[in-house]
Every structure is written in structure tokens, then in C-alpha cells.
């Protein structure tokens, strides 16, 4: 038998959590907020280690402007919070036809003494549905004014600490292992399900986690998809296979994207791959400290446009990565025209070059994850970006 002790399964030091809490409190005070109401699971994990998928129901982590923490959640997460987090004050709302957790949250906030002060709320959160958001707004009406603080912790999470970068590097090793597994399994007649199974097995055997969204796989016409869809097929003798996938370690992600050519090699795909490789290298060169992130997008776009692929490319070429939860591993900010956020050392980005020629039925993609450093950027994948032919 084993008795759970508080926070025994966290993955960062107490000093790291203390620094994160201090930074968050300082930002609360700067914005004039009495408390932050967190509904984003990644915010809870980053700030306290709390690790759960219980955010599919109403739950809220509160941080006051003097550093106190309290979690309101359901009974299944009482022990989860003790095991995985530093949060000692855990309140439970009880399931039932008349359950009103938003009103219970109001009572908790009153107990914490923040009534009347402006409350920062993570309104933009997968863990706060529109219905629950309306109920929360009604419960807080007349109690305290609110301000949208959805960006507060997201901005703090953007620059990774050395401890976080260690996990990101491990995720990079795992995604390389998944790529090697895909290359080994892919051949004419191969079943997509077997390819996926081998890729995910490589990550799990390496101690990794489920990614925050599904692996993307598509062959034939489906190679032109950059979203997951259900239904597996066997590869044709002459085919194209697009994969977008991640290694995840302690919920930190590193991604890759590739299109393989199976059987006969269409020279048009060879030309598209050359354009994508040129675009990727140009985008990575533009990812450097002090540069606006839109510079990365424009570098990618210029290379593809010059090769006649303007209509085949997308309007964004990537996004930040970090610790994220389902349904999406995409993090703030994205790489597109007008993105004024400046790159800083410690930021991590997935740059994806995507060219889908729907008129010709051709697909080509190439993407990998980079860490911004003092000198520029470092790719975290050791795999080749040469065209994979099977």
C-alpha cells in the first residue's frame, strides 16, 4: 500500500513553481487584478503541476494577488490534485441535477476575500464552455467586475525555462523515433493503421505521453488533408502519404511533418519537395531573437511563391509549442502575416511548410520544431529533410 503525499508526482522543483507563481502574481498586480480564475488546463499544470483531463467538467484554479491558491473541482480529481500538484486547498462541488459550481466558485472567492476587486478570467479556454461561461458571468454579476486574462499565463509560458527545454528536447528525440518507425513501416500495400501503431509505440516506449491531438495521416487524396479524419486504407503501389505528428514528454511537444512518396516518383512532387525544403530553411533562418514572427511567415511565403506555389500554400506556417492539453497541441502565437510578437530565446516553434495542389491531386509537406537561441534558432529534430521514397 502507498499513501499519497502532496505533490509527489510533480515534474518540476519547488523553486521552479515558486518562480512561476511569483511571476504570475507580479503580473496580476501590474494589471490591477485581485485574482486569476484559471480554466485552461495548461495554465494549471504550468503553475502547480496539476495534471488531469477533468477540465471537461467545470473546474477552476484560483490564484489571488497575494499568492494563495485554491482549486474547485469534482471528487474524481481530489486525489489527482494531491498526487500531481502543489495545491493543498482543494474544494469539491458535488454532482447532481441541481449542481451549481459557478455559484460555489463565487462563495470560494468571497471566502478568499477578493469580492469587489477586478477578477481576471481565462474566458478563452477549452475548459470553459459557452454555457458554463454564461453561468459564471451570472454568478459574478454584482460580486466583482471581470477582465479577460486569457493571455496572462499563456504569455508567461511562451519562454521556456531550462527545465522545460530539457523536456522539449526529449520530445524531439521521441518524435524522431516516431519518424524512423514510419519510414520503416511505409511501403506499397502498407496499412495506415500499422504505420500509426508503430509511430505511437515508439513514443510510448520512450516514456512519452499521448499528444494533445491526434496524429494526422492521409494517403491518396487524403494526403492533401492537414486534419485527422477517421478511416484507414492500404497504400497503393504508387501513392503519397502525409504525416503530421508529435513527440510528447511531460506534456511538452515537438512536432514533425512529412510527405512520403511511394512507388513511382512523380517529378512534380520532387520539385514541390525542393520548394518546401528551401522554404523551411528560409523560415528557420528568419526565426531569430528580436525578429517579428511575421518575418518567419514571409520568408516561407517568398520561397514558395517564387516556385509557383502561391495558390498551394497556406496563410500560416506554424505556431508555438509547449505544454498543451487536448484537443490541440497548437500554442500561442501562430506564424502569419501581421504577427508582431518578437522571437526570444527559449521560445519553441513548429514551422510547417504545406503545399497542396488540389487541381493536380498532389501534396507535399515538410516541417520540424525549432528552439530560439541567443544566436538564432536550433532545430530539435536530427532527422533528414530529404524526400522519403518508398
Protein backbone atom coordinates (compact mmCIF):
# COMPACT_ATOMS: atom_id res chain seq x y z
CA UNK A 1 0.00 0.00 0.00
CA UNK A 2 1.12 3.54 -0.67
CA UNK A 3 -0.17 6.73 0.92
CA UNK A 4 -0.29 9.72 -1.43
CA UNK A 5 1.74 12.71 -0.33
CA UNK A 6 1.15 16.22 -1.62
CA UNK A 7 2.78 16.82 -4.98
CA UNK A 8 4.80 13.61 -5.07
CA UNK A 9 4.26 13.27 -8.83
CA UNK A 10 5.16 16.78 -9.98
CA UNK A 11 7.87 17.19 -12.62
CA UNK A 12 9.46 20.47 -11.57
CA UNK A 13 11.25 21.66 -8.46
CA UNK A 14 9.63 23.72 -5.73
CA UNK A 15 11.88 26.61 -6.72
CA UNK A 16 10.59 26.44 -10.28
CA UNK A 17 6.96 26.55 -9.13
CA UNK A 18 7.77 29.40 -6.74
CA UNK A 19 9.28 31.43 -9.59
CA UNK A 20 6.25 30.83 -11.79
CA UNK A 21 3.85 31.84 -9.03
CA UNK A 22 5.86 34.98 -8.29
CA UNK A 23 5.85 35.97 -11.97
CA UNK A 24 2.10 35.41 -12.22
CA UNK A 25 1.36 37.36 -9.03
CA UNK A 26 3.53 40.24 -10.27
CA UNK A 27 1.51 40.34 -13.50
CA UNK A 28 -1.76 40.24 -11.55
CA UNK A 29 -0.64 43.21 -9.52
CA UNK A 30 0.57 45.07 -12.60
CA UNK A 31 -2.87 44.63 -14.20
CA UNK A 32 -4.72 45.55 -11.02
CA UNK A 33 -6.38 42.14 -10.67
CA UNK A 34 -7.34 40.71 -7.26
CA UNK A 35 -7.32 37.13 -8.51
CA UNK A 36 -6.91 34.99 -11.61
CA UNK A 37 -9.57 32.40 -12.43
CA UNK A 38 -7.91 29.67 -14.49
CA UNK A 39 -9.87 27.33 -16.73
CA UNK A 40 -7.03 26.38 -19.08
CA UNK A 41 -5.56 23.06 -18.04
CA UNK A 42 -2.11 24.06 -19.33
CA UNK A 43 -2.18 27.08 -17.01
CA UNK A 44 -2.95 24.84 -14.04
CA UNK A 45 -0.23 22.38 -14.99
CA UNK A 46 2.40 25.07 -15.58
CA UNK A 47 1.62 26.91 -12.35
CA UNK A 48 1.13 23.96 -9.99
CA UNK A 49 1.79 20.63 -11.73
CA UNK A 50 -1.92 19.71 -11.61
CA UNK A 51 -2.35 17.09 -14.33
CA UNK A 52 -5.81 15.86 -15.36
CA UNK A 53 -8.34 15.66 -18.16
CA UNK A 54 -11.02 16.63 -15.64
CA UNK A 55 -11.29 20.05 -17.27
CA UNK A 56 -14.01 18.58 -19.50
CA UNK A 57 -16.21 19.41 -16.50
CA UNK A 58 -16.37 22.70 -14.59
CA UNK A 59 -13.22 23.30 -12.60
CA UNK A 60 -11.30 26.42 -11.70
CA UNK A 61 -7.93 27.12 -10.14
CA UNK A 62 -7.82 30.47 -8.33
CA UNK A 63 -4.66 32.46 -7.66
CA UNK A 64 -5.04 35.60 -5.54
CA UNK A 65 -2.86 38.68 -5.83
CA UNK A 66 -1.10 37.73 -2.61
CA UNK A 67 -0.20 34.25 -3.90
CA UNK A 68 -2.86 31.99 -2.40
CA UNK A 69 -4.07 29.02 -4.46
CA UNK A 70 -7.40 27.16 -4.32
CA UNK A 71 -8.89 24.60 -6.70
CA UNK A 72 -12.59 23.93 -7.22
CA UNK A 73 -13.17 20.61 -8.97
CA UNK A 74 -15.08 17.31 -8.84
CA UNK A 75 -14.49 14.38 -6.50
CA UNK A 76 -12.54 12.24 -9.03
CA UNK A 77 -9.82 14.90 -9.07
CA UNK A 78 -9.37 15.32 -5.32
CA UNK A 79 -6.60 12.72 -5.15
CA UNK A 80 -5.38 13.65 -8.62
CA UNK A 81 -4.66 17.16 -7.36
CA UNK A 82 -2.88 15.86 -4.27
CA UNK A 83 -0.76 13.41 -6.27
CA UNK A 84 0.24 15.68 -9.16
CA UNK A 85 0.18 19.23 -7.82
CA UNK A 86 1.30 21.61 -5.09
CA UNK A 87 -2.30 22.78 -4.49
CA UNK A 88 -3.26 21.98 -0.92
CA UNK A 89 -6.62 23.81 -0.84
CA UNK A 90 -8.98 21.67 -2.94
CA UNK A 91 -12.75 22.20 -2.83
CA UNK A 92 -15.22 19.75 -4.31
CA UNK A 93 -18.52 20.51 -5.96
CA UNK A 94 -20.96 17.61 -5.87
CA UNK A 95 -22.50 16.12 -8.99
CA UNK A 96 -26.25 16.35 -9.14
CA UNK A 97 -29.22 17.68 -11.05
CA UNK A 98 -29.06 20.93 -9.07
CA UNK A 99 -25.28 21.32 -9.06
CA UNK A 100 -24.19 24.95 -9.47
CA UNK A 101 -20.38 25.04 -9.41
CA UNK A 102 -20.26 28.64 -10.67
CA UNK A 103 -22.14 29.74 -7.55
CA UNK A 104 -19.82 27.61 -5.40
CA UNK A 105 -16.90 29.37 -7.04
CA UNK A 106 -18.41 32.71 -6.08
CA UNK A 107 -18.63 31.53 -2.46
CA UNK A 108 -15.00 30.42 -2.58
CA UNK A 109 -13.94 33.81 -3.95
CA UNK A 110 -15.86 35.55 -1.16
CA UNK A 111 -14.07 33.37 1.38
CA UNK A 112 -10.75 34.34 -0.18
CA UNK A 113 -11.67 37.99 0.30
CA UNK A 114 -11.50 39.15 -3.30
CA UNK A 115 -15.09 40.37 -3.64
CA UNK A 116 -15.32 43.77 -5.28
CA UNK A 117 -11.87 43.63 -6.82
CA UNK A 118 -11.42 43.01 -10.54
CA UNK A 119 -11.09 39.33 -11.34
CA UNK A 120 -9.03 38.12 -14.29
CA UNK A 121 -10.76 35.25 -16.09
CA UNK A 122 -9.45 32.84 -18.69
CA UNK A 123 -12.54 33.22 -20.83
CA UNK A 124 -10.82 31.66 -23.85
CA UNK A 125 -10.38 28.12 -22.61
CA UNK A 126 -11.42 24.69 -23.80
CA UNK A 127 -12.23 24.00 -20.15
CA UNK A 128 -14.90 26.72 -20.04
CA UNK A 129 -17.81 26.01 -22.36
CA UNK A 130 -20.07 28.81 -23.53
CA UNK A 131 -22.85 27.57 -21.22
CA UNK A 132 -20.57 27.44 -18.19
CA UNK A 133 -19.15 30.82 -19.14
CA UNK A 134 -22.64 32.31 -19.11
CA UNK A 135 -23.31 30.71 -15.74
CA UNK A 136 -20.04 32.08 -14.40
CA UNK A 137 -20.83 35.59 -15.65
CA UNK A 138 -24.26 35.39 -13.99
CA UNK A 139 -22.75 34.15 -10.72
CA UNK A 140 -20.22 37.00 -10.64
CA UNK A 141 -22.74 39.69 -11.59
CA UNK A 142 -22.83 42.20 -8.75
CA UNK A 143 -20.00 40.41 -6.99
CA UNK A 144 -16.93 41.67 -8.82
CA UNK A 145 -16.02 43.12 -12.21
CA UNK A 146 -14.09 40.84 -14.55
CA UNK A 147 -11.36 41.31 -17.13
CA UNK A 148 -10.27 38.94 -19.86
CA UNK A 149 -6.96 37.49 -18.71
CA UNK A 150 -6.84 34.60 -21.16
CA UNK A 151 -3.39 35.70 -22.31
CA UNK A 152 -1.77 36.19 -18.91
CA UNK A 153 -0.24 32.78 -18.27
CA UNK A 154 -0.03 31.93 -21.98
CA UNK A 155 2.41 34.83 -22.38
CA UNK A 156 4.44 33.69 -19.37
CA UNK A 157 4.58 30.12 -20.67
CA UNK A 158 5.88 31.21 -24.07
CA UNK A 159 9.53 31.48 -22.97
CA UNK A 160 10.66 28.13 -21.61
CA UNK A 161 12.89 27.63 -18.58
CA UNK A 162 15.95 25.35 -18.76
CA UNK A 163 13.92 22.61 -17.05
CA UNK A 164 11.19 22.92 -19.67
CA UNK A 165 13.68 22.93 -22.53
CA UNK A 166 15.04 19.64 -21.24
CA UNK A 167 11.58 18.12 -21.68
CA UNK A 168 11.15 19.71 -25.11
CA UNK A 169 14.46 18.18 -26.22
CA UNK A 170 13.29 14.78 -25.05
CA UNK A 171 10.07 15.28 -27.01
CA UNK A 172 12.27 16.00 -30.04
CA UNK A 173 14.05 12.68 -29.58
CA UNK A 174 10.72 10.88 -29.35
CA UNK A 175 9.30 12.48 -32.49
CA UNK A 176 12.45 11.45 -34.36
CA UNK A 177 11.86 7.89 -33.18
CA UNK A 178 8.29 8.09 -34.48
CA UNK A 179 9.56 9.30 -37.86
CA UNK A 180 12.03 6.42 -38.08
CA UNK A 181 9.22 3.99 -37.28
CA UNK A 182 7.03 5.48 -40.02
CA UNK A 183 9.81 5.26 -42.59
CA UNK A 184 10.47 1.63 -41.68
CA UNK A 185 6.83 0.59 -41.97
CA UNK A 186 5.86 2.56 -45.10
CA UNK A 187 5.83 0.54 -48.33
CA UNK A 188 3.39 -0.25 -51.14
CA UNK A 189 0.43 -2.07 -49.60
CA UNK A 190 1.20 -0.99 -46.03
CA UNK A 191 -1.80 -0.37 -43.79
CA UNK A 192 -2.08 3.13 -42.37
CA UNK A 193 -3.14 1.69 -39.02
CA UNK A 194 0.13 -0.24 -38.73
CA UNK A 195 2.11 2.90 -39.53
CA UNK A 196 0.28 4.82 -36.81
CA UNK A 197 0.68 1.98 -34.32
CA UNK A 198 4.44 1.82 -34.84
CA UNK A 199 4.84 5.58 -34.57
CA UNK A 200 2.90 5.87 -31.34
CA UNK A 201 4.59 2.79 -29.89
CA UNK A 202 7.97 4.47 -30.41
CA UNK A 203 6.83 7.43 -28.31
CA UNK A 204 5.24 5.36 -25.55
CA UNK A 205 8.23 3.02 -25.31
CA UNK A 206 10.38 6.09 -24.88
CA UNK A 207 8.38 7.18 -21.84
CA UNK A 208 6.33 9.76 -23.73
CA UNK A 209 2.71 10.84 -23.46
CA UNK A 210 -0.38 10.96 -25.61
CA UNK A 211 -0.15 14.08 -27.76
CA UNK A 212 -2.70 16.85 -27.31
CA UNK A 213 -4.38 15.96 -30.60
CA UNK A 214 -4.50 13.02 -32.98
CA UNK A 215 -1.67 12.15 -35.34
CA UNK A 216 -2.56 13.27 -38.85
CA UNK A 217 -2.23 10.60 -41.53
CA UNK A 218 -3.56 10.56 -45.06
CA UNK A 219 -2.68 8.83 -48.32
CA UNK A 220 -4.03 9.04 -51.85
CA UNK A 221 -6.35 12.04 -52.00
CA UNK A 222 -6.20 12.13 -48.19
CA UNK A 223 -2.56 13.19 -48.37
CA UNK A 224 -3.90 16.69 -49.04
CA UNK A 225 -5.52 16.84 -45.61
CA UNK A 226 -3.89 18.58 -42.65
CA UNK A 227 -6.52 17.41 -40.19
CA UNK A 228 -7.21 13.98 -38.74
CA UNK A 229 -10.11 12.06 -40.21
CA UNK A 230 -11.30 8.56 -39.43
CA UNK A 231 -10.98 5.53 -41.75
CA UNK A 232 -7.75 3.72 -42.60
CA UNK A 233 -6.58 2.43 -46.00
CA UNK A 234 -3.71 0.45 -47.52
CA UNK A 235 -1.15 2.34 -49.56
CA UNK A 236 -1.28 1.94 -53.33
CA UNK A 237 1.71 0.79 -55.36
CA UNK A 238 2.14 4.43 -56.41
CA UNK A 239 0.99 6.77 -53.66
CA UNK A 240 1.68 9.75 -51.43
CA UNK A 241 1.48 9.72 -47.64
CA UNK A 242 1.27 12.81 -45.44
CA UNK A 243 2.06 12.60 -41.72
CA UNK A 244 1.92 15.28 -39.05
CA UNK A 245 2.78 14.05 -35.59
CA UNK A 246 4.38 14.88 -32.26
CA UNK A 247 6.57 13.50 -29.58
CA UNK A 248 5.14 14.49 -26.20
CA UNK A 249 7.08 14.29 -22.95
CA UNK A 250 5.67 15.60 -19.67
CA UNK A 251 3.07 17.22 -21.97
CA UNK A 252 5.73 19.21 -23.84
CA UNK A 253 5.54 18.75 -27.59
CA UNK A 254 7.91 18.61 -30.55
CA UNK A 255 6.34 18.11 -33.98
CA UNK A 256 7.32 16.91 -37.43
CA UNK A 257 5.51 16.88 -40.77
CA UNK A 258 6.44 14.86 -43.86
CA UNK A 259 5.01 13.67 -47.15
CA UNK A 260 6.46 10.36 -48.35
CA UNK A 261 6.38 9.23 -51.98
CA UNK A 262 5.53 5.55 -52.54
CA UNK A 263 6.40 3.70 -55.74
CA UNK A 264 6.82 5.80 -58.87
CA UNK A 265 8.24 9.23 -58.13
CA UNK A 266 6.30 11.98 -59.86
CA UNK A 267 8.80 14.70 -60.89
CA UNK A 268 6.26 17.33 -59.86
CA UNK A 269 6.46 16.05 -56.28
CA UNK A 270 10.25 16.21 -56.42
CA UNK A 271 10.01 19.86 -57.46
CA UNK A 272 7.45 20.59 -54.74
CA UNK A 273 9.70 19.00 -52.14
CA UNK A 274 12.65 21.12 -53.25
CA UNK A 275 10.49 24.22 -52.88
CA UNK A 276 9.32 23.14 -49.41
CA UNK A 277 12.90 22.47 -48.29
CA UNK A 278 14.00 25.89 -49.50
CA UNK A 279 11.03 27.47 -47.74
CA UNK A 280 11.69 25.63 -44.48
CA UNK A 281 15.34 26.63 -44.35
CA UNK A 282 14.46 30.26 -45.13
CA UNK A 283 11.83 30.30 -42.38
CA UNK A 284 14.22 28.78 -39.84
CA UNK A 285 16.87 31.37 -40.74
CA UNK A 286 14.31 34.14 -40.10
CA UNK A 287 13.49 32.75 -36.65
CA UNK A 288 15.99 34.69 -34.55
CA UNK A 289 15.90 36.81 -31.38
CA UNK A 290 14.29 40.21 -31.88
CA UNK A 291 12.66 39.32 -35.18
CA UNK A 292 8.90 39.72 -35.53
CA UNK A 293 7.28 36.34 -36.03
CA UNK A 294 5.66 37.56 -39.23
CA UNK A 295 9.18 37.57 -40.71
CA UNK A 296 9.17 33.77 -40.47
CA UNK A 297 5.91 33.62 -42.40
CA UNK A 298 7.10 35.99 -45.12
CA UNK A 299 10.37 34.04 -45.55
CA UNK A 300 8.37 30.84 -46.07
CA UNK A 301 5.90 32.53 -48.43
CA UNK A 302 8.53 34.18 -50.63
CA UNK A 303 10.24 30.86 -51.26
CA UNK A 304 7.04 29.03 -52.20
CA UNK A 305 5.66 31.91 -54.27
CA UNK A 306 8.87 32.10 -56.28
CA UNK A 307 8.40 28.42 -57.17
CA UNK A 308 4.86 28.99 -58.41
CA UNK A 309 3.13 27.59 -55.31
CA UNK A 310 1.27 30.69 -54.13
CA UNK A 311 -2.13 29.06 -54.55
CA UNK A 312 -0.95 25.80 -52.98
CA UNK A 313 0.39 27.26 -49.72
CA UNK A 314 -1.49 28.21 -46.55
CA UNK A 315 -1.86 31.55 -44.78
CA UNK A 316 0.16 30.48 -41.73
CA UNK A 317 3.30 28.38 -41.46
CA UNK A 318 3.37 27.25 -37.86
CA UNK A 319 2.89 28.11 -34.21
CA UNK A 320 4.45 27.92 -30.78
CA UNK A 321 4.69 24.63 -28.93
CA UNK A 322 4.78 23.90 -25.25
CA UNK A 323 2.79 22.07 -22.62
CA UNK A 324 -0.71 21.73 -24.02
CA UNK A 325 -3.73 19.50 -23.49
CA UNK A 326 -6.39 18.05 -25.77
CA UNK A 327 -7.93 18.98 -28.08
CA UNK A 328 -4.94 20.78 -29.59
CA UNK A 329 -1.15 20.87 -29.40
CA UNK A 330 -1.07 24.29 -31.11
CA UNK A 331 0.02 27.04 -28.73
CA UNK A 332 0.11 30.83 -28.88
CA UNK A 333 1.27 32.58 -31.08
CA UNK A 334 0.86 31.50 -34.72
CA UNK A 335 3.20 32.41 -37.57
CA UNK A 336 1.31 34.56 -40.07
CA UNK A 337 1.35 38.00 -41.69
CA UNK A 338 0.90 40.74 -39.11
CA UNK A 339 2.15 38.66 -36.17
CA UNK A 340 4.11 41.30 -34.25
CA UNK A 341 5.24 39.13 -31.32
CA UNK A 342 9.04 39.08 -31.24
CA UNK A 343 11.04 35.88 -31.02
CA UNK A 344 13.03 35.48 -27.81
CA UNK A 345 15.50 32.84 -26.62
CA UNK A 346 13.64 29.95 -25.00
CA UNK A 347 10.64 30.05 -27.33
CA UNK A 348 9.78 26.89 -29.28
CA UNK A 349 8.05 26.84 -32.67
CA UNK A 350 6.81 24.22 -35.09
CA UNK A 351 7.42 25.52 -38.62
CA UNK A 352 5.39 23.61 -41.19
CA UNK A 353 5.64 24.08 -44.95
CA UNK A 354 2.49 22.83 -46.65
CA UNK A 355 1.76 22.79 -50.39
CA UNK A 356 -1.46 21.16 -51.58
CA UNK A 357 -2.12 21.32 -55.33
CA UNK A 358 -5.75 20.26 -55.42
CA UNK A 359 -6.02 20.70 -59.21
CA UNK A 360 -3.26 18.13 -59.75
CA UNK A 361 -4.03 16.00 -56.70
CA UNK A 362 -0.51 16.50 -55.33
CA UNK A 363 0.64 17.01 -51.74
CA UNK A 364 3.99 17.95 -50.27
CA UNK A 365 4.79 18.95 -46.71
CA UNK A 366 7.89 19.43 -44.61
CA UNK A 367 8.04 20.61 -41.03
CA UNK A 368 10.07 20.42 -37.84
CA UNK A 369 10.44 22.06 -34.43
CA UNK A 370 12.96 24.78 -33.58
CA UNK A 371 14.16 26.35 -30.35
CA UNK A 372 15.05 30.05 -30.42
CA UNK A 373 18.56 30.56 -29.04
CA UNK A 374 20.76 33.57 -28.39
CA UNK A 375 22.42 33.00 -31.77
CA UNK A 376 19.34 32.25 -33.88
CA UNK A 377 17.38 29.00 -33.84
CA UNK A 378 18.20 25.34 -33.36
CA UNK A 379 16.28 22.52 -34.96
CA UNK A 380 15.31 19.89 -32.41
CA UNK A 381 14.94 17.07 -34.90
CA UNK A 382 18.03 15.23 -36.06
CA UNK A 383 16.23 13.52 -38.96
CA UNK A 384 16.95 14.31 -42.59
CA UNK A 385 14.68 16.60 -44.59
CA UNK A 386 15.45 14.74 -47.82
CA UNK A 387 12.47 13.39 -49.74
CA UNK A 388 11.43 10.00 -48.37
CA UNK A 389 10.82 7.49 -51.16
CA UNK A 390 9.42 4.03 -50.52
